[in-house]
Amino acid sequence: MRTLAQLVALMAIAGASGTALADQPHLLSTAEANLVASSKAAQVKQCYFRHVLVERRATGSVRVDLDVRADGGVARARVQAPGVVRRAFERCVVARALTWRFPASAEWTEVRMPFYFGIPVRLRARPRPLDASPPPRPAS
């Protein structure tokens, strides 16, 4: 009988502390990070199409690595985009990423946000060889 009383008392204590734990910040979940990523994809895409279409080796793949503070603000952002040489794209994405807000959490969180943008073939830069002459004009 004494064990049952201890168990009930333990459950009462756990129940009381369970409500207090609900008020404390939690760890940032994957679902919460994905929600922010999907809402910010248009900003990354805008930077990509503004700065990267002239890059012949751009793959359309971008990864944004973020350090998210406990208050939900972004402390640091890094961009990886295979085939992209120009730094203007990275500066564009980092400037936007530093303004993003995540839900508050118990501690700092590292977030990796992958994006993929299909690049239309007709928009890719097609450099002419240096020794090529301009195309002939049609006879009139």
N, C-alpha and C. Protein backbone atom coordinates (compact mmCIF):
# COMPACT_ATOMS: atom_id res chain seq x y z
N MET A 1 0.82 -1.19 0.00
CA MET A 1 0.00 0.00 0.00
C MET A 1 0.87 1.26 0.00
N ARG A 2 1.98 1.18 0.71
CA ARG A 2 2.86 2.33 0.79
C ARG A 2 3.44 2.65 -0.59
N THR A 3 3.78 1.63 -1.41
CA THR A 3 4.31 1.83 -2.74
C THR A 3 3.29 2.53 -3.63
N LEU A 4 2.04 2.18 -3.52
CA LEU A 4 0.98 2.82 -4.30
C LEU A 4 0.87 4.30 -3.94
N ALA A 5 0.97 4.62 -2.64
CA ALA A 5 0.91 6.02 -2.21
C ALA A 5 2.10 6.80 -2.74
N GLN A 6 3.28 6.18 -2.74
CA GLN A 6 4.46 6.85 -3.28
C GLN A 6 4.32 7.08 -4.78
N LEU A 7 3.75 6.08 -5.49
CA LEU A 7 3.55 6.20 -6.92
C LEU A 7 2.57 7.32 -7.25
N VAL A 8 1.48 7.42 -6.49
CA VAL A 8 0.50 8.49 -6.71
C VAL A 8 1.12 9.84 -6.43
N ALA A 9 1.93 9.92 -5.35
CA ALA A 9 2.59 11.19 -5.03
C ALA A 9 3.58 11.56 -6.13
N LEU A 10 4.31 10.58 -6.65
CA LEU A 10 5.25 10.83 -7.74
C LEU A 10 4.53 11.30 -9.00
N MET A 11 3.39 10.71 -9.30
CA MET A 11 2.60 11.12 -10.47
C MET A 11 2.09 12.54 -10.29
N ALA A 12 1.70 12.89 -9.07
CA ALA A 12 1.20 14.25 -8.81
C ALA A 12 2.32 15.27 -9.00
N ILE A 13 3.51 14.91 -8.52
CA ILE A 13 4.66 15.81 -8.70
C ILE A 13 5.01 15.94 -10.18
N ALA A 14 5.02 14.84 -10.90
CA ALA A 14 5.33 14.86 -12.33
C ALA A 14 4.29 15.66 -13.10
N GLY A 15 3.02 15.52 -12.72
CA GLY A 15 1.96 16.28 -13.39
C GLY A 15 2.11 17.76 -13.15
N ALA A 16 2.47 18.15 -11.94
CA ALA A 16 2.63 19.57 -11.62
C ALA A 16 3.83 20.14 -12.34
N SER A 17 4.92 19.38 -12.40
CA SER A 17 6.10 19.90 -13.08
C SER A 17 5.93 19.84 -14.59
N GLY A 18 5.06 18.97 -15.09
CA GLY A 18 4.82 18.87 -16.53
C GLY A 18 4.23 20.15 -17.08
N THR A 19 3.37 20.81 -16.33
CA THR A 19 2.82 22.07 -16.81
C THR A 19 3.88 23.16 -16.81
N ALA A 20 4.80 23.11 -15.86
CA ALA A 20 5.86 24.11 -15.83
C ALA A 20 6.82 23.89 -17.00
N LEU A 21 7.06 22.63 -17.37
CA LEU A 21 7.94 22.35 -18.50
C LEU A 21 7.36 22.83 -19.81
N ALA A 22 6.05 22.83 -19.93
CA ALA A 22 5.42 23.27 -21.17
C ALA A 22 5.68 24.75 -21.43
N ASP A 23 5.90 25.52 -20.36
CA ASP A 23 6.15 26.95 -20.52
C ASP A 23 7.60 27.25 -20.88
N GLN A 24 8.50 26.30 -20.67
CA GLN A 24 9.90 26.51 -20.97
C GLN A 24 10.14 26.36 -22.47
N PRO A 25 11.16 27.07 -22.99
CA PRO A 25 11.47 26.92 -24.42
C PRO A 25 11.91 25.49 -24.74
N HIS A 26 11.58 25.03 -25.91
CA HIS A 26 11.93 23.68 -26.36
C HIS A 26 13.06 23.78 -27.39
N LEU A 27 13.56 22.65 -27.78
CA LEU A 27 14.56 22.63 -28.85
C LEU A 27 13.87 22.87 -30.18
N LEU A 28 14.54 23.51 -31.10
CA LEU A 28 13.99 23.79 -32.42
C LEU A 28 13.82 22.47 -33.17
N SER A 29 12.62 22.21 -33.64
CA SER A 29 12.35 20.94 -34.32
C SER A 29 12.60 21.07 -35.82
N THR A 30 12.72 19.92 -36.45
CA THR A 30 12.91 19.88 -37.90
C THR A 30 11.70 20.48 -38.61
N ALA A 31 10.51 20.19 -38.11
CA ALA A 31 9.30 20.73 -38.73
C ALA A 31 9.27 22.26 -38.67
N GLU A 32 9.69 22.82 -37.55
CA GLU A 32 9.72 24.28 -37.42
C GLU A 32 10.75 24.89 -38.37
N ALA A 33 11.92 24.25 -38.47
CA ALA A 33 12.96 24.75 -39.38
C ALA A 33 12.49 24.64 -40.83
N ASN A 34 11.82 23.54 -41.17
CA ASN A 34 11.30 23.37 -42.53
C ASN A 34 10.24 24.40 -42.87
N LEU A 35 9.44 24.75 -41.90
CA LEU A 35 8.40 25.77 -42.12
C LEU A 35 9.04 27.11 -42.47
N VAL A 36 10.08 27.47 -41.73
CA VAL A 36 10.79 28.73 -42.03
C VAL A 36 11.48 28.63 -43.39
N ALA A 37 12.11 27.48 -43.68
CA ALA A 37 12.81 27.31 -44.96
C ALA A 37 11.85 27.47 -46.13
N SER A 38 10.68 26.86 -46.04
CA SER A 38 9.74 26.95 -47.16
C SER A 38 9.21 28.37 -47.31
N SER A 39 9.09 29.10 -46.21
CA SER A 39 8.59 30.47 -46.32
C SER A 39 9.66 31.43 -46.86
N LYS A 40 10.93 31.06 -46.78
CA LYS A 40 12.02 31.92 -47.23
C LYS A 40 12.62 31.49 -48.57
N ALA A 41 12.13 30.43 -49.16
CA ALA A 41 12.68 29.92 -50.42
C ALA A 41 12.62 30.97 -51.53
N ALA A 42 11.57 31.76 -51.55
CA ALA A 42 11.44 32.77 -52.61
C ALA A 42 12.57 33.81 -52.53
N GLN A 43 13.01 34.15 -51.32
CA GLN A 43 14.11 35.12 -51.18
C GLN A 43 15.41 34.54 -51.73
N VAL A 44 15.68 33.28 -51.42
CA VAL A 44 16.90 32.64 -51.92
C VAL A 44 16.83 32.51 -53.43
N LYS A 45 15.66 32.15 -53.95
CA LYS A 45 15.47 32.01 -55.39
C LYS A 45 15.69 33.34 -56.10
N GLN A 46 15.19 34.42 -55.51
CA GLN A 46 15.37 35.74 -56.11
C GLN A 46 16.86 36.08 -56.21
N CYS A 47 17.61 35.82 -55.16
CA CYS A 47 19.06 36.05 -55.20
C CYS A 47 19.71 35.17 -56.25
N TYR A 48 19.28 33.93 -56.32
CA TYR A 48 19.88 32.97 -57.25
C TYR A 48 19.69 33.43 -58.69
N PHE A 49 18.47 33.78 -59.05
CA PHE A 49 18.21 34.16 -60.43
C PHE A 49 18.77 35.54 -60.76
N ARG A 50 18.99 36.37 -59.78
CA ARG A 50 19.57 37.68 -60.03
C ARG A 50 21.07 37.59 -60.27
N HIS A 51 21.75 36.70 -59.55
CA HIS A 51 23.21 36.71 -59.58
C HIS A 51 23.86 35.49 -60.23
N VAL A 52 23.14 34.40 -60.43
CA VAL A 52 23.79 33.16 -60.80
C VAL A 52 23.56 32.72 -62.24
N LEU A 53 22.59 33.25 -62.91
CA LEU A 53 22.30 32.76 -64.26
C LEU A 53 23.47 32.91 -65.22
N VAL A 54 24.36 33.82 -64.95
CA VAL A 54 25.53 33.99 -65.82
C VAL A 54 26.64 33.00 -65.49
N GLU A 55 26.49 32.26 -64.43
CA GLU A 55 27.49 31.27 -64.03
C GLU A 55 27.29 30.00 -64.86
N ARG A 56 28.26 29.66 -65.68
CA ARG A 56 28.12 28.50 -66.56
C ARG A 56 28.05 27.19 -65.81
N ARG A 57 28.71 27.11 -64.67
CA ARG A 57 28.79 25.84 -63.95
C ARG A 57 27.80 25.73 -62.79
N ALA A 58 26.90 26.67 -62.67
CA ALA A 58 25.91 26.63 -61.57
C ALA A 58 25.03 25.39 -61.72
N THR A 59 24.80 24.71 -60.61
CA THR A 59 24.04 23.45 -60.64
C THR A 59 22.58 23.62 -60.25
N GLY A 60 22.23 24.75 -59.67
CA GLY A 60 20.86 24.93 -59.18
C GLY A 60 20.70 24.50 -57.74
N SER A 61 21.75 23.96 -57.17
CA SER A 61 21.70 23.47 -55.80
C SER A 61 22.36 24.48 -54.86
N VAL A 62 21.68 24.76 -53.74
CA VAL A 62 22.17 25.74 -52.77
C VAL A 62 21.93 25.18 -51.38
N ARG A 63 22.90 25.36 -50.49
CA ARG A 63 22.68 25.00 -49.09
C ARG A 63 23.03 26.20 -48.24
N VAL A 64 22.10 26.58 -47.38
CA VAL A 64 22.31 27.69 -46.47
C VAL A 64 22.45 27.10 -45.07
N ASP A 65 23.61 27.31 -44.44
CA ASP A 65 23.87 26.84 -43.08
C ASP A 65 23.72 28.02 -42.14
N LEU A 66 22.89 27.84 -41.11
CA LEU A 66 22.60 28.92 -40.18
C LEU A 66 22.92 28.52 -38.75
N ASP A 67 23.37 29.48 -37.97
CA ASP A 67 23.45 29.33 -36.52
C ASP A 67 22.32 30.17 -35.96
N VAL A 68 21.34 29.50 -35.35
CA VAL A 68 20.15 30.17 -34.84
C VAL A 68 20.28 30.32 -33.33
N ARG A 69 20.16 31.56 -32.86
CA ARG A 69 20.23 31.82 -31.42
C ARG A 69 18.99 31.28 -30.72
N ALA A 70 19.04 31.21 -29.41
CA ALA A 70 17.91 30.71 -28.63
C ALA A 70 16.68 31.61 -28.79
N ASP A 71 16.88 32.90 -29.05
CA ASP A 71 15.73 33.80 -29.21
C ASP A 71 15.10 33.70 -30.60
N GLY A 72 15.68 32.87 -31.50
CA GLY A 72 15.13 32.66 -32.83
C GLY A 72 15.79 33.48 -33.93
N GLY A 73 16.66 34.41 -33.56
CA GLY A 73 17.37 35.20 -34.55
C GLY A 73 18.53 34.42 -35.14
N VAL A 74 18.94 34.81 -36.33
CA VAL A 74 20.06 34.15 -37.00
C VAL A 74 21.34 34.90 -36.66
N ALA A 75 22.31 34.19 -36.08
CA ALA A 75 23.58 34.80 -35.69
C ALA A 75 24.60 34.76 -36.81
N ARG A 76 24.56 33.70 -37.61
CA ARG A 76 25.56 33.53 -38.67
C ARG A 76 24.95 32.72 -39.80
N ALA A 77 25.30 33.09 -41.03
CA ALA A 77 24.80 32.37 -42.20
C ALA A 77 25.97 32.12 -43.16
N ARG A 78 26.00 30.92 -43.72
CA ARG A 78 27.00 30.54 -44.72
C ARG A 78 26.26 29.91 -45.89
N VAL A 79 26.79 30.12 -47.09
CA VAL A 79 26.12 29.64 -48.30
C VAL A 79 27.07 28.74 -49.07
N GLN A 80 26.55 27.60 -49.51
CA GLN A 80 27.31 26.71 -50.40
C GLN A 80 26.48 26.52 -51.66
N ALA A 81 27.08 26.87 -52.79
CA ALA A 81 26.40 26.73 -54.08
C ALA A 81 27.43 26.25 -55.09
N PRO A 82 27.44 24.95 -55.39
CA PRO A 82 28.43 24.41 -56.33
C PRO A 82 28.36 25.10 -57.68
N GLY A 83 29.52 25.46 -58.20
CA GLY A 83 29.60 26.08 -59.50
C GLY A 83 29.43 27.59 -59.50
N VAL A 84 29.12 28.17 -58.36
CA VAL A 84 28.92 29.62 -58.29
C VAL A 84 30.21 30.26 -57.79
N VAL A 85 30.80 31.12 -58.60
CA VAL A 85 32.07 31.73 -58.27
C VAL A 85 31.88 33.13 -57.70
N ARG A 86 30.93 33.86 -58.23
CA ARG A 86 30.75 35.25 -57.83
C ARG A 86 30.22 35.33 -56.39
N ARG A 87 30.76 36.27 -55.63
CA ARG A 87 30.39 36.43 -54.22
C ARG A 87 29.10 37.23 -54.04
N ALA A 88 28.60 37.88 -55.07
CA ALA A 88 27.39 38.69 -54.93
C ALA A 88 26.20 37.84 -54.52
N PHE A 89 26.13 36.61 -55.03
CA PHE A 89 25.03 35.72 -54.65
C PHE A 89 25.10 35.40 -53.16
N GLU A 90 26.27 35.05 -52.69
CA GLU A 90 26.44 34.72 -51.27
C GLU A 90 26.08 35.91 -50.39
N ARG A 91 26.53 37.10 -50.75
CA ARG A 91 26.22 38.30 -49.97
C ARG A 91 24.72 38.56 -49.96
N CYS A 92 24.04 38.34 -51.08
CA CYS A 92 22.60 38.55 -51.17
C CYS A 92 21.85 37.61 -50.23
N VAL A 93 22.21 36.32 -50.24
CA VAL A 93 21.53 35.34 -49.40
C VAL A 93 21.83 35.59 -47.92
N VAL A 94 23.09 35.86 -47.59
CA VAL A 94 23.46 36.09 -46.19
C VAL A 94 22.73 37.31 -45.64
N ALA A 95 22.64 38.39 -46.42
CA ALA A 95 21.94 39.59 -45.96
C ALA A 95 20.49 39.29 -45.63
N ARG A 96 19.84 38.48 -46.45
CA ARG A 96 18.45 38.13 -46.18
C ARG A 96 18.33 37.16 -45.01
N ALA A 97 19.23 36.17 -44.95
CA ALA A 97 19.15 35.15 -43.90
C ALA A 97 19.33 35.75 -42.51
N LEU A 98 20.12 36.78 -42.38
CA LEU A 98 20.33 37.39 -41.07
C LEU A 98 19.08 38.09 -40.55
N THR A 99 18.08 38.29 -41.40
CA THR A 99 16.82 38.91 -40.95
C THR A 99 15.75 37.86 -40.62
N TRP A 100 16.00 36.60 -40.91
CA TRP A 100 14.99 35.56 -40.69
C TRP A 100 14.80 35.30 -39.21
N ARG A 101 13.58 34.89 -38.85
CA ARG A 101 13.23 34.57 -37.46
C ARG A 101 12.72 33.14 -37.38
N PHE A 102 13.24 32.42 -36.42
CA PHE A 102 12.79 31.07 -36.11
C PHE A 102 12.07 31.11 -34.77
N PRO A 103 11.29 30.09 -34.44
CA PRO A 103 10.69 30.04 -33.11
C PRO A 103 11.78 29.98 -32.04
N ALA A 104 11.53 30.58 -30.89
CA ALA A 104 12.49 30.54 -29.78
C ALA A 104 12.70 29.09 -29.34
N SER A 105 13.91 28.81 -28.90
CA SER A 105 14.22 27.45 -28.44
C SER A 105 15.07 27.53 -27.18
N ALA A 106 15.40 26.38 -26.62
CA ALA A 106 16.14 26.33 -25.37
C ALA A 106 17.61 26.69 -25.55
N GLU A 107 18.15 26.49 -26.74
CA GLU A 107 19.57 26.76 -26.97
C GLU A 107 19.82 27.04 -28.44
N TRP A 108 21.07 27.43 -28.75
CA TRP A 108 21.46 27.67 -30.14
C TRP A 108 21.28 26.40 -30.95
N THR A 109 20.94 26.56 -32.22
CA THR A 109 20.72 25.42 -33.09
C THR A 109 21.41 25.67 -34.42
N GLU A 110 22.03 24.62 -34.96
CA GLU A 110 22.58 24.70 -36.31
C GLU A 110 21.51 24.18 -37.26
N VAL A 111 21.21 24.94 -38.29
CA VAL A 111 20.18 24.57 -39.25
C VAL A 111 20.81 24.54 -40.63
N ARG A 112 20.57 23.48 -41.38
CA ARG A 112 21.01 23.38 -42.78
C ARG A 112 19.78 23.37 -43.64
N MET A 113 19.71 24.33 -44.55
CA MET A 113 18.53 24.49 -45.40
C MET A 113 18.93 24.25 -46.85
N PRO A 114 18.59 23.09 -47.42
CA PRO A 114 18.92 22.85 -48.84
C PRO A 114 17.82 23.40 -49.75
N PHE A 115 18.24 23.96 -50.87
CA PHE A 115 17.31 24.46 -51.88
C PHE A 115 17.79 23.94 -53.23
N TYR A 116 16.86 23.70 -54.14
CA TYR A 116 17.23 23.34 -55.51
C TYR A 116 16.37 24.14 -56.47
N PHE A 117 17.02 24.83 -57.39
CA PHE A 117 16.32 25.63 -58.39
C PHE A 117 16.67 25.10 -59.77
N GLY A 118 15.67 24.70 -60.52
CA GLY A 118 15.90 24.27 -61.89
C GLY A 118 16.25 25.48 -62.73
N ILE A 119 17.32 25.37 -63.48
CA ILE A 119 17.75 26.49 -64.33
C ILE A 119 17.32 26.19 -65.75
N PRO A 120 16.44 27.00 -66.33
CA PRO A 120 16.05 26.77 -67.72
C PRO A 120 17.28 26.84 -68.63
N VAL A 121 17.37 25.91 -69.54
CA VAL A 121 18.53 25.84 -70.44
C VAL A 121 18.68 27.12 -71.24
N ARG A 122 17.59 27.70 -71.69
CA ARG A 122 17.68 28.89 -72.53
C ARG A 122 18.23 30.10 -71.77
N LEU A 123 18.20 30.06 -70.43
CA LEU A 123 18.69 31.19 -69.67
C LEU A 123 20.17 31.06 -69.30
N ARG A 124 20.73 29.91 -69.51
CA ARG A 124 22.15 29.74 -69.19
C ARG A 124 23.00 30.57 -70.16
N ALA A 125 24.07 31.09 -69.66
CA ALA A 125 24.97 31.87 -70.51
C ALA A 125 25.67 30.94 -71.48
N ARG A 126 25.78 31.37 -72.72
CA ARG A 126 26.47 30.58 -73.74
C ARG A 126 27.59 31.43 -74.32
N PRO A 127 28.77 31.31 -73.75
CA PRO A 127 29.87 32.13 -74.26
C PRO A 127 30.32 31.65 -75.62
N ARG A 128 30.69 32.59 -76.46
CA ARG A 128 31.25 32.26 -77.76
C ARG A 128 32.73 32.02 -77.59
N PRO A 129 33.29 31.15 -78.39
CA PRO A 129 34.75 30.99 -78.37
C PRO A 129 35.41 32.31 -78.74
N LEU A 130 36.59 32.56 -78.22
CA LEU A 130 37.27 33.83 -78.48
C LEU A 130 37.61 34.04 -79.94
N ASP A 131 37.87 32.98 -80.68
CA ASP A 131 38.25 33.14 -82.08
C ASP A 131 37.06 33.08 -83.03
N ALA A 132 35.87 32.98 -82.50
CA ALA A 132 34.68 32.88 -83.36
C ALA A 132 34.29 34.25 -83.88
N SER A 133 33.91 34.28 -85.11
CA SER A 133 33.43 35.53 -85.69
C SER A 133 31.93 35.63 -85.45
N PRO A 134 31.37 36.83 -85.54
CA PRO A 134 29.93 36.96 -85.33
C PRO A 134 29.16 36.19 -86.39
N PRO A 135 27.97 35.76 -86.08
CA PRO A 135 27.19 34.99 -87.07
C PRO A 135 26.88 35.85 -88.30
N PRO A 136 26.82 35.23 -89.49
CA PRO A 136 26.57 36.02 -90.72
C PRO A 136 25.14 36.57 -90.71
N ARG A 137 25.01 37.75 -91.31
CA ARG A 137 23.70 38.38 -91.41
C ARG A 137 22.98 37.84 -92.64
N PRO A 138 21.67 37.67 -92.54
CA PRO A 138 20.93 37.18 -93.70
C PRO A 138 20.98 38.21 -94.85
N ALA A 139 21.06 37.70 -96.07
CA ALA A 139 21.09 38.57 -97.25
C ALA A 139 19.70 39.17 -97.48
N SER A 140 19.68 40.45 -97.82
CA SER A 140 18.40 41.10 -98.09
C SER A 140 18.21 41.40 -99.54
